[in-house]
Amino acid sequence: MSVEKINLAEKLSAFSVHWTPRIVGDVDDYASKIAKLAGDFVWHAHQNEDGLFFVLNGAFRMDFRDRQVDVGTGEMIIVPRGVEHIPFAEEECAVRLFEQRGVTNTGDAGGELTVDAPERI
């Protein structure tokens, strides 16, 4: 087995589509993903999985039904399973996601932004 470092800036420069996570590695049963956010996503929840969002650059806002949380470069937020949320980025933002393998990005909402099988880059 070969162990290689992963350059996230290089991986981020390989795509420009927003709201379409890419897998950059695996840790046990979890996928390490990166994504670019811009504008609104969709209200959704993940009934069986928590979600971790770590901001690599830029900033975004995580809206919940009862409040909003601003998250900037070097900060992270963990959304507990079952909690309805919608991310919003006024300007493009790059994040690292850490989720159980097989998690659909739109959770229980579905729709045109759903990515069932993220590309591995």
Protein backbone atom coordinates (compact mmCIF):
# COMPACT_ATOMS: atom_id res chain seq x y z
CA MET A 1 0.00 0.00 0.00
CA SER A 2 1.31 3.41 -0.98
CA VAL A 3 0.90 6.39 1.34
CA GLU A 4 0.79 9.73 -0.46
CA LYS A 5 0.15 13.26 0.73
CA ILE A 6 -2.91 15.08 -0.59
CA ASN A 7 -2.64 18.70 -1.70
CA LEU A 8 -6.14 20.15 -1.16
CA ALA A 9 -5.40 23.38 -3.05
CA GLU A 10 -4.37 21.33 -6.07
CA LYS A 11 -7.50 19.17 -5.80
CA LEU A 12 -9.73 22.25 -5.48
CA SER A 13 -8.22 23.75 -8.63
CA ALA A 14 -9.30 20.65 -10.58
CA PHE A 15 -13.01 21.55 -10.59
CA SER A 16 -15.29 24.59 -10.53
CA VAL A 17 -18.80 23.21 -10.01
CA HIS A 18 -20.52 24.31 -6.81
CA TRP A 19 -22.34 21.97 -4.41
CA THR A 20 -20.74 18.86 -5.95
CA PRO A 21 -18.47 17.16 -3.38
CA ARG A 22 -15.37 15.28 -4.51
CA ILE A 23 -13.75 12.47 -2.52
CA VAL A 24 -10.07 13.01 -1.74
CA GLY A 25 -9.53 10.09 0.63
CA ASP A 26 -11.02 7.53 2.98
CA VAL A 27 -10.59 6.99 6.70
CA ASP A 28 -12.11 3.68 7.79
CA ASP A 29 -15.82 3.94 6.83
CA TYR A 30 -15.65 7.71 6.29
CA ALA A 31 -15.03 9.79 3.19
CA SER A 32 -12.89 12.90 3.26
CA LYS A 33 -14.46 15.23 0.69
CA ILE A 34 -13.94 18.74 -0.61
CA ALA A 35 -16.55 21.00 -2.14
CA LYS A 36 -17.03 24.53 -3.39
CA LEU A 37 -20.08 26.37 -2.10
CA ALA A 38 -21.76 29.43 -3.59
CA GLY A 39 -25.30 30.71 -3.13
CA ASP A 40 -28.08 28.66 -1.53
CA PHE A 41 -28.22 24.89 -1.21
CA VAL A 42 -31.41 23.07 -0.11
CA TRP A 43 -33.03 22.53 3.28
CA HIS A 44 -32.26 18.96 4.32
CA ALA A 45 -31.30 16.61 7.14
CA HIS A 46 -29.29 13.43 7.40
CA GLN A 47 -31.29 11.09 9.61
CA ASN A 48 -28.46 8.66 10.46
CA GLU A 49 -25.24 10.66 10.07
CA ASP A 50 -23.54 13.71 11.55
CA GLY A 51 -21.83 16.10 9.12
CA LEU A 52 -18.55 17.98 9.59
CA PHE A 53 -17.80 21.11 7.54
CA PHE A 54 -14.29 22.61 7.83
CA VAL A 55 -13.73 25.88 5.94
CA LEU A 56 -10.52 25.80 3.90
CA ASN A 57 -11.00 29.30 2.50
CA GLY A 58 -13.80 31.83 2.40
CA ALA A 59 -16.86 31.77 4.63
CA PHE A 60 -20.38 30.42 4.66
CA ARG A 61 -23.45 30.54 6.86
CA MET A 62 -25.20 27.46 8.18
CA ASP A 63 -28.88 28.16 8.69
CA PHE A 64 -30.98 26.13 11.08
CA ARG A 65 -34.71 26.57 11.68
CA ASP A 66 -34.00 28.50 14.89
CA ARG A 67 -30.68 30.29 14.22
CA GLN A 68 -27.77 31.01 11.88
CA VAL A 69 -24.06 30.26 12.39
CA ASP A 70 -21.30 32.01 10.42
CA VAL A 71 -18.27 29.80 9.73
CA GLY A 72 -15.01 31.24 8.35
CA THR A 73 -11.58 30.09 7.23
CA GLY A 74 -10.03 27.71 9.74
CA GLU A 75 -13.34 27.10 11.52
CA MET A 76 -15.65 24.11 11.43
CA ILE A 77 -19.18 23.18 12.33
CA ILE A 78 -20.63 19.76 13.08
CA VAL A 79 -24.29 19.25 12.21
CA PRO A 80 -25.81 16.46 14.33
CA ARG A 81 -27.85 13.74 12.62
CA GLY A 82 -31.51 14.60 12.15
CA VAL A 83 -30.99 18.40 12.35
CA GLU A 84 -32.45 20.27 9.39
CA HIS A 85 -30.02 22.77 7.87
CA ILE A 86 -29.13 24.74 4.75
CA PRO A 87 -25.67 26.09 3.94
CA PHE A 88 -25.37 29.45 2.17
CA ALA A 89 -22.24 31.15 0.80
CA GLU A 90 -22.45 34.73 -0.42
CA GLU A 91 -19.16 34.24 -2.28
CA GLU A 92 -17.39 31.04 -3.26
CA CYS A 93 -16.13 29.09 -0.29
CA ALA A 94 -14.10 25.87 -0.15
CA VAL A 95 -14.83 23.29 2.53
CA ARG A 96 -13.61 19.89 3.63
CA LEU A 97 -16.39 17.49 4.55
CA PHE A 98 -15.98 14.41 6.70
CA GLU A 99 -18.91 12.02 6.36
CA GLN A 100 -19.74 8.34 6.49
CA ARG A 101 -19.19 6.72 3.13
CA GLY A 102 -22.39 6.69 1.05
CA VAL A 103 -23.95 9.86 2.49
CA THR A 104 -25.97 11.77 -0.10
CA ASN A 105 -25.24 15.50 -0.06
CA THR A 106 -28.93 16.52 -0.08
CA GLY A 107 -29.89 14.05 2.65
CA ASP A 108 -33.65 13.52 2.81
CA ALA A 109 -34.43 16.36 0.36
CA GLY A 110 -33.26 14.89 -2.95
CA GLY A 111 -33.52 17.10 -6.02
CA GLU A 112 -31.33 18.34 -8.83
CA LEU A 113 -28.33 19.08 -6.59
CA THR A 114 -28.12 15.47 -5.36
CA VAL A 115 -24.80 13.71 -5.87
CA ASP A 116 -25.28 9.99 -5.17
CA ALA A 117 -21.76 8.90 -6.10
CA PRO A 118 -19.18 11.68 -5.67
CA GLU A 119 -16.24 11.64 -8.03
CA ARG A 120 -12.89 10.62 -6.53
CA ILE A 121 -10.13 13.07 -7.46
